[in-house]
């Protein structure tokens, strides 16, 4: 089945907005109907991309619009584990405030925090 090039272009644009932390532009797309849980071909959601690239405001906006903070990608990684791995404490706090589970995923955020000796970020 061939993919519609316009749909692919839109999806690429939306994923780039998450990666770049373009919160207000991304908010407009989400409020117009793009799923806050949209995932790419690797299972990375908009939230995962925003978290991994250090955009706490974008993370908060997405979770406020229903993005699942514990949804893993195809490798079993959660946005919280990604934020710990990338050493983004403000993103970690935003995800915890949205209810992210530090024990979800493989490796979990807690396991990753132990590896980097930043367990205090997770309240441990």
N, C-alpha and C. Protein backbone atom coordinates (compact mmCIF):
# COMPACT_ATOMS: atom_id res chain seq x y z
N UNK A 1 0.84 -1.19 0.00
CA UNK A 1 0.00 0.00 0.00
C UNK A 1 0.89 1.25 0.00
N UNK A 2 0.66 2.13 -0.95
CA UNK A 2 1.44 3.36 -1.04
C UNK A 2 0.91 4.39 -0.06
N UNK A 3 1.86 5.11 0.53
CA UNK A 3 1.48 6.17 1.47
C UNK A 3 1.26 7.46 0.69
N UNK A 4 0.29 8.21 1.14
CA UNK A 4 -0.01 9.50 0.55
C UNK A 4 1.13 10.46 0.87
N UNK A 5 1.80 11.02 -0.15
CA UNK A 5 2.94 11.91 0.10
C UNK A 5 2.58 13.12 0.96
N UNK A 6 1.36 13.61 0.83
CA UNK A 6 0.96 14.76 1.65
C UNK A 6 0.84 14.37 3.12
N UNK A 7 0.36 13.17 3.39
CA UNK A 7 0.24 12.69 4.77
C UNK A 7 1.64 12.50 5.36
N UNK A 8 2.53 11.91 4.57
CA UNK A 8 3.91 11.70 5.02
C UNK A 8 4.57 13.05 5.32
N UNK A 9 4.36 14.02 4.45
CA UNK A 9 4.95 15.35 4.64
C UNK A 9 4.40 16.00 5.92
N UNK A 10 3.10 15.89 6.15
CA UNK A 10 2.50 16.45 7.37
C UNK A 10 3.06 15.77 8.61
N UNK A 11 3.13 14.44 8.58
CA UNK A 11 3.64 13.71 9.73
C UNK A 11 5.09 14.09 10.00
N UNK A 12 5.89 14.20 8.97
CA UNK A 12 7.29 14.61 9.13
C UNK A 12 7.37 15.98 9.77
N UNK A 13 6.53 16.90 9.32
CA UNK A 13 6.51 18.26 9.87
C UNK A 13 6.15 18.23 11.35
N UNK A 14 5.14 17.44 11.70
CA UNK A 14 4.68 17.38 13.09
C UNK A 14 5.76 16.76 13.99
N UNK A 15 6.40 15.68 13.54
CA UNK A 15 7.47 15.07 14.33
C UNK A 15 8.64 16.05 14.51
N UNK A 16 8.96 16.81 13.48
CA UNK A 16 10.03 17.80 13.60
C UNK A 16 9.67 18.90 14.60
N UNK A 17 8.41 19.29 14.66
CA UNK A 17 7.99 20.28 15.64
C UNK A 17 8.24 19.78 17.06
N UNK A 18 7.96 18.51 17.30
CA UNK A 18 8.21 17.91 18.62
C UNK A 18 9.70 17.89 18.91
N UNK A 19 10.51 17.47 17.95
CA UNK A 19 11.97 17.40 18.13
C UNK A 19 12.57 18.78 18.42
N UNK A 20 12.01 19.80 17.76
CA UNK A 20 12.56 21.15 17.87
C UNK A 20 11.95 21.97 19.01
N UNK A 21 10.94 21.42 19.67
CA UNK A 21 10.32 22.14 20.78
C UNK A 21 9.47 23.32 20.34
N UNK A 22 8.87 23.22 19.19
CA UNK A 22 8.00 24.28 18.68
C UNK A 22 6.61 24.08 19.28
N UNK A 23 6.50 24.39 20.56
CA UNK A 23 5.32 24.05 21.35
C UNK A 23 4.03 24.64 20.79
N UNK A 24 4.01 25.92 20.52
CA UNK A 24 2.76 26.56 20.10
C UNK A 24 2.29 26.10 18.73
N UNK A 25 3.22 25.90 17.82
CA UNK A 25 2.83 25.40 16.50
C UNK A 25 2.31 23.97 16.61
N UNK A 26 3.01 23.15 17.41
CA UNK A 26 2.57 21.77 17.62
C UNK A 26 1.21 21.75 18.32
N UNK A 27 1.01 22.64 19.29
CA UNK A 27 -0.29 22.73 19.97
C UNK A 27 -1.41 22.96 18.96
N UNK A 28 -1.18 23.83 17.99
CA UNK A 28 -2.21 24.11 16.99
C UNK A 28 -2.57 22.85 16.20
N UNK A 29 -1.57 22.05 15.86
CA UNK A 29 -1.85 20.80 15.15
C UNK A 29 -2.63 19.83 16.03
N UNK A 30 -2.22 19.71 17.29
CA UNK A 30 -2.90 18.79 18.21
C UNK A 30 -4.33 19.25 18.43
N UNK A 31 -4.53 20.53 18.63
CA UNK A 31 -5.89 21.04 18.85
C UNK A 31 -6.74 20.95 17.60
N UNK A 32 -6.10 20.84 16.43
CA UNK A 32 -6.83 20.68 15.17
C UNK A 32 -7.13 19.21 14.86
N UNK A 33 -6.61 18.30 15.72
CA UNK A 33 -6.96 16.90 15.53
C UNK A 33 -5.83 15.90 15.41
N UNK A 34 -4.58 16.37 15.31
CA UNK A 34 -3.46 15.42 15.29
C UNK A 34 -3.37 14.79 16.68
N UNK A 35 -3.25 13.48 16.72
CA UNK A 35 -3.21 12.77 18.00
C UNK A 35 -1.97 13.15 18.79
N UNK A 36 -2.15 13.45 20.08
CA UNK A 36 -1.01 13.71 20.96
C UNK A 36 -0.18 12.45 21.15
N UNK A 37 -0.72 11.29 20.79
CA UNK A 37 -0.01 10.01 20.89
C UNK A 37 0.50 9.51 19.54
N UNK A 38 0.57 10.40 18.55
CA UNK A 38 1.06 10.02 17.23
C UNK A 38 2.47 9.42 17.36
N UNK A 39 2.69 8.28 16.69
CA UNK A 39 3.99 7.61 16.75
C UNK A 39 4.53 7.40 15.34
N UNK A 40 5.86 7.42 15.24
CA UNK A 40 6.50 7.18 13.94
C UNK A 40 6.74 5.69 13.72
N UNK A 41 7.46 5.35 12.68
CA UNK A 41 7.68 3.95 12.32
C UNK A 41 8.57 3.19 13.31
N UNK A 42 9.16 3.88 14.29
CA UNK A 42 9.97 3.24 15.33
C UNK A 42 9.21 3.20 16.66
N UNK A 43 7.98 3.69 16.62
CA UNK A 43 7.18 3.72 17.84
C UNK A 43 7.45 4.94 18.71
N UNK A 44 8.31 5.84 18.23
CA UNK A 44 8.57 7.06 19.00
C UNK A 44 7.39 8.02 18.85
N UNK A 45 6.80 8.38 19.98
CA UNK A 45 5.69 9.32 19.97
C UNK A 45 6.21 10.75 19.92
N UNK A 46 5.28 11.67 19.70
CA UNK A 46 5.63 13.08 19.78
C UNK A 46 6.23 13.39 21.15
N UNK A 47 5.64 12.79 22.19
CA UNK A 47 6.13 13.00 23.56
C UNK A 47 7.56 12.47 23.72
N UNK A 48 7.83 11.30 23.18
CA UNK A 48 9.19 10.74 23.27
C UNK A 48 10.19 11.68 22.61
N UNK A 49 9.86 12.18 21.44
CA UNK A 49 10.78 13.06 20.72
C UNK A 49 11.00 14.37 21.47
N UNK A 50 9.93 14.94 22.00
CA UNK A 50 10.07 16.18 22.76
C UNK A 50 10.90 15.95 24.03
N UNK A 51 10.64 14.84 24.71
CA UNK A 51 11.37 14.53 25.95
C UNK A 51 12.84 14.29 25.66
N UNK A 52 13.12 13.49 24.66
CA UNK A 52 14.50 13.11 24.34
C UNK A 52 15.33 14.32 23.92
N UNK A 53 14.66 15.30 23.32
CA UNK A 53 15.37 16.49 22.85
C UNK A 53 15.30 17.66 23.84
N UNK A 54 14.77 17.40 25.04
CA UNK A 54 14.87 18.37 26.12
C UNK A 54 13.87 19.51 26.13
N UNK A 55 12.68 19.29 25.64
CA UNK A 55 11.69 20.37 25.54
C UNK A 55 10.57 20.19 26.57
N UNK A 56 10.81 20.67 27.78
CA UNK A 56 9.86 20.49 28.88
C UNK A 56 8.51 21.14 28.59
N UNK A 57 8.49 22.32 28.00
CA UNK A 57 7.22 22.98 27.70
C UNK A 57 6.40 22.16 26.70
N UNK A 58 7.06 21.59 25.72
CA UNK A 58 6.36 20.76 24.74
C UNK A 58 5.84 19.50 25.40
N UNK A 59 6.64 18.92 26.29
CA UNK A 59 6.21 17.74 27.05
C UNK A 59 4.95 18.06 27.84
N UNK A 60 4.95 19.18 28.55
CA UNK A 60 3.77 19.56 29.35
C UNK A 60 2.54 19.75 28.47
N UNK A 61 2.73 20.42 27.33
CA UNK A 61 1.60 20.65 26.43
C UNK A 61 1.03 19.32 25.93
N UNK A 62 1.91 18.42 25.52
CA UNK A 62 1.44 17.14 25.00
C UNK A 62 0.73 16.32 26.07
N UNK A 63 1.28 16.26 27.27
CA UNK A 63 0.60 15.50 28.33
C UNK A 63 -0.70 16.16 28.73
N UNK A 64 -0.75 17.48 28.69
CA UNK A 64 -2.01 18.19 28.96
C UNK A 64 -3.07 17.84 27.92
N UNK A 65 -2.64 17.45 26.73
CA UNK A 65 -3.55 17.09 25.65
C UNK A 65 -3.70 15.57 25.49
N UNK A 66 -3.32 14.83 26.54
CA UNK A 66 -3.61 13.40 26.56
C UNK A 66 -2.50 12.46 26.13
N UNK A 67 -1.29 12.97 25.88
CA UNK A 67 -0.20 12.07 25.52
C UNK A 67 0.11 11.14 26.70
N UNK A 68 0.30 9.87 26.40
CA UNK A 68 0.56 8.85 27.41
C UNK A 68 2.03 8.91 27.82
N UNK A 69 2.33 9.31 29.07
CA UNK A 69 3.73 9.45 29.47
C UNK A 69 4.47 8.12 29.62
N UNK A 70 3.75 7.01 29.63
CA UNK A 70 4.39 5.70 29.79
C UNK A 70 4.42 4.87 28.52
N UNK A 71 3.97 5.43 27.41
CA UNK A 71 3.94 4.64 26.17
C UNK A 71 5.36 4.40 25.66
N UNK A 72 5.76 3.14 25.59
CA UNK A 72 7.13 2.85 25.12
C UNK A 72 7.22 2.86 23.60
N UNK A 73 8.45 3.05 23.12
CA UNK A 73 8.67 2.91 21.68
C UNK A 73 8.89 1.43 21.37
N UNK A 74 9.23 1.12 20.15
CA UNK A 74 9.38 -0.28 19.74
C UNK A 74 10.54 -1.00 20.43
N UNK A 75 11.44 -0.25 21.04
CA UNK A 75 12.56 -0.84 21.78
C UNK A 75 12.25 -0.95 23.27
N UNK A 76 11.04 -0.56 23.67
CA UNK A 76 10.64 -0.65 25.07
C UNK A 76 11.04 0.52 25.93
N UNK A 77 11.52 1.60 25.32
CA UNK A 77 11.95 2.79 26.05
C UNK A 77 10.79 3.75 26.23
N UNK A 78 10.69 4.35 27.42
CA UNK A 78 9.66 5.34 27.69
C UNK A 78 10.24 6.75 27.58
N UNK A 79 9.37 7.75 27.44
CA UNK A 79 9.87 9.13 27.43
C UNK A 79 10.67 9.48 28.69
N UNK A 80 10.25 8.98 29.84
CA UNK A 80 10.96 9.30 31.09
C UNK A 80 12.37 8.72 31.07
N UNK A 81 12.52 7.48 30.64
CA UNK A 81 13.86 6.89 30.54
C UNK A 81 14.73 7.67 29.55
N UNK A 82 14.12 8.11 28.45
CA UNK A 82 14.86 8.91 27.47
C UNK A 82 15.33 10.23 28.05
N UNK A 83 14.49 10.87 28.84
CA UNK A 83 14.86 12.15 29.46
C UNK A 83 15.97 11.96 30.48
N UNK A 84 15.92 10.87 31.24
CA UNK A 84 16.99 10.59 32.19
C UNK A 84 18.29 10.33 31.43
N UNK A 85 18.21 9.51 30.40
CA UNK A 85 19.39 9.17 29.60
C UNK A 85 20.04 10.43 29.01
N UNK A 86 19.22 11.36 28.54
CA UNK A 86 19.73 12.59 27.94
C UNK A 86 20.07 13.67 28.98
N UNK A 87 19.88 13.33 30.25
CA UNK A 87 20.20 14.23 31.37
C UNK A 87 19.41 15.55 31.26
N UNK A 88 18.09 15.39 31.22
CA UNK A 88 17.16 16.52 31.11
C UNK A 88 16.27 16.59 32.35
N UNK A 89 16.76 17.12 33.47
CA UNK A 89 15.98 17.09 34.72
C UNK A 89 14.66 17.85 34.65
N UNK A 90 14.56 18.94 33.89
CA UNK A 90 13.28 19.65 33.81
C UNK A 90 12.24 18.83 33.05
N UNK A 91 12.69 18.07 32.08
CA UNK A 91 11.78 17.18 31.35
C UNK A 91 11.36 16.04 32.27
N UNK A 92 12.30 15.51 33.04
CA UNK A 92 11.99 14.45 34.01
C UNK A 92 10.89 14.93 34.94
N UNK A 93 11.03 16.13 35.47
CA UNK A 93 10.02 16.66 36.40
C UNK A 93 8.67 16.84 35.72
N UNK A 94 8.67 17.31 34.47
CA UNK A 94 7.42 17.48 33.74
C UNK A 94 6.72 16.14 33.53
N UNK A 95 7.49 15.11 33.21
CA UNK A 95 6.90 13.78 33.00
C UNK A 95 6.39 13.17 34.30
N UNK A 96 7.16 13.33 35.38
CA UNK A 96 6.70 12.83 36.67
C UNK A 96 5.41 13.54 37.09
N UNK A 97 5.33 14.85 36.85
CA UNK A 97 4.12 15.61 37.19
C UNK A 97 2.92 15.11 36.38
N UNK A 98 3.19 14.57 35.18
CA UNK A 98 2.12 14.04 34.33
C UNK A 98 1.79 12.59 34.66
N UNK A 99 2.45 12.04 35.68
CA UNK A 99 2.13 10.69 36.12
C UNK A 99 3.00 9.58 35.53
N UNK A 100 4.13 9.92 34.93
CA UNK A 100 5.01 8.89 34.37
C UNK A 100 5.50 7.95 35.46
N UNK A 101 5.55 6.67 35.12
CA UNK A 101 5.98 5.63 36.05
C UNK A 101 7.49 5.39 35.88
N UNK A 102 8.29 5.65 36.91
CA UNK A 102 9.74 5.47 36.80
C UNK A 102 10.17 4.02 36.58
N UNK A 103 9.26 3.07 36.80
CA UNK A 103 9.60 1.66 36.65
C UNK A 103 9.11 1.06 35.33
N UNK A 104 8.46 1.86 34.50
CA UNK A 104 7.95 1.38 33.21
C UNK A 104 9.09 1.30 32.19
N UNK A 105 8.95 0.38 31.25
CA UNK A 105 9.88 0.27 30.14
C UNK A 105 11.13 -0.53 30.45
N UNK A 106 11.91 -0.75 29.42
CA UNK A 106 13.17 -1.48 29.54
C UNK A 106 14.23 -0.80 28.69
N UNK A 107 15.31 -0.29 29.25
CA UNK A 107 15.47 -0.16 30.69
C UNK A 107 14.53 0.92 31.22
N UNK A 108 14.16 0.77 32.46
CA UNK A 108 13.26 1.77 33.06
C UNK A 108 14.03 3.05 33.36
N UNK A 109 13.28 4.11 33.64
CA UNK A 109 13.91 5.37 34.04
C UNK A 109 14.71 5.18 35.33
N UNK A 110 14.19 4.36 36.24
CA UNK A 110 14.89 4.12 37.50
C UNK A 110 16.22 3.41 37.24
N UNK A 111 16.21 2.40 36.37
CA UNK A 111 17.46 1.71 36.03
C UNK A 111 18.44 2.66 35.37
N UNK A 112 17.95 3.51 34.50
CA UNK A 112 18.80 4.48 33.83
C UNK A 112 19.35 5.50 34.82
N UNK A 113 18.51 5.94 35.76
CA UNK A 113 18.95 6.90 36.77
C UNK A 113 20.05 6.30 37.65
N UNK A 114 19.92 5.02 38.00
CA UNK A 114 20.97 4.35 38.78
C UNK A 114 22.29 4.34 38.01
N UNK A 115 22.21 4.04 36.72
CA UNK A 115 23.39 3.99 35.87
C UNK A 115 24.13 5.33 35.88
N UNK A 116 23.38 6.43 35.84
CA UNK A 116 23.97 7.77 35.79
C UNK A 116 24.05 8.43 37.17
N UNK A 117 23.67 7.70 38.22
CA UNK A 117 23.72 8.20 39.59
C UNK A 117 22.91 9.49 39.78
N UNK A 118 21.68 9.49 39.23
CA UNK A 118 20.79 10.64 39.37
C UNK A 118 19.42 10.20 39.90
N UNK A 119 19.42 9.20 40.78
CA UNK A 119 18.18 8.67 41.32
C UNK A 119 17.33 9.74 42.00
N UNK A 120 17.99 10.79 42.52
CA UNK A 120 17.25 11.86 43.19
C UNK A 120 16.29 12.56 42.24
N UNK A 121 16.56 12.52 40.95
CA UNK A 121 15.64 13.12 39.97
C UNK A 121 14.28 12.43 40.02
N UNK A 122 14.29 11.17 40.41
CA UNK A 122 13.06 10.38 40.44
C UNK A 122 12.49 10.24 41.84
N UNK A 123 13.06 11.00 42.78
CA UNK A 123 12.58 10.95 44.16
C UNK A 123 13.08 9.74 44.91
N UNK A 124 14.11 9.10 44.40
CA UNK A 124 14.64 7.90 45.06
C UNK A 124 15.87 8.21 45.89
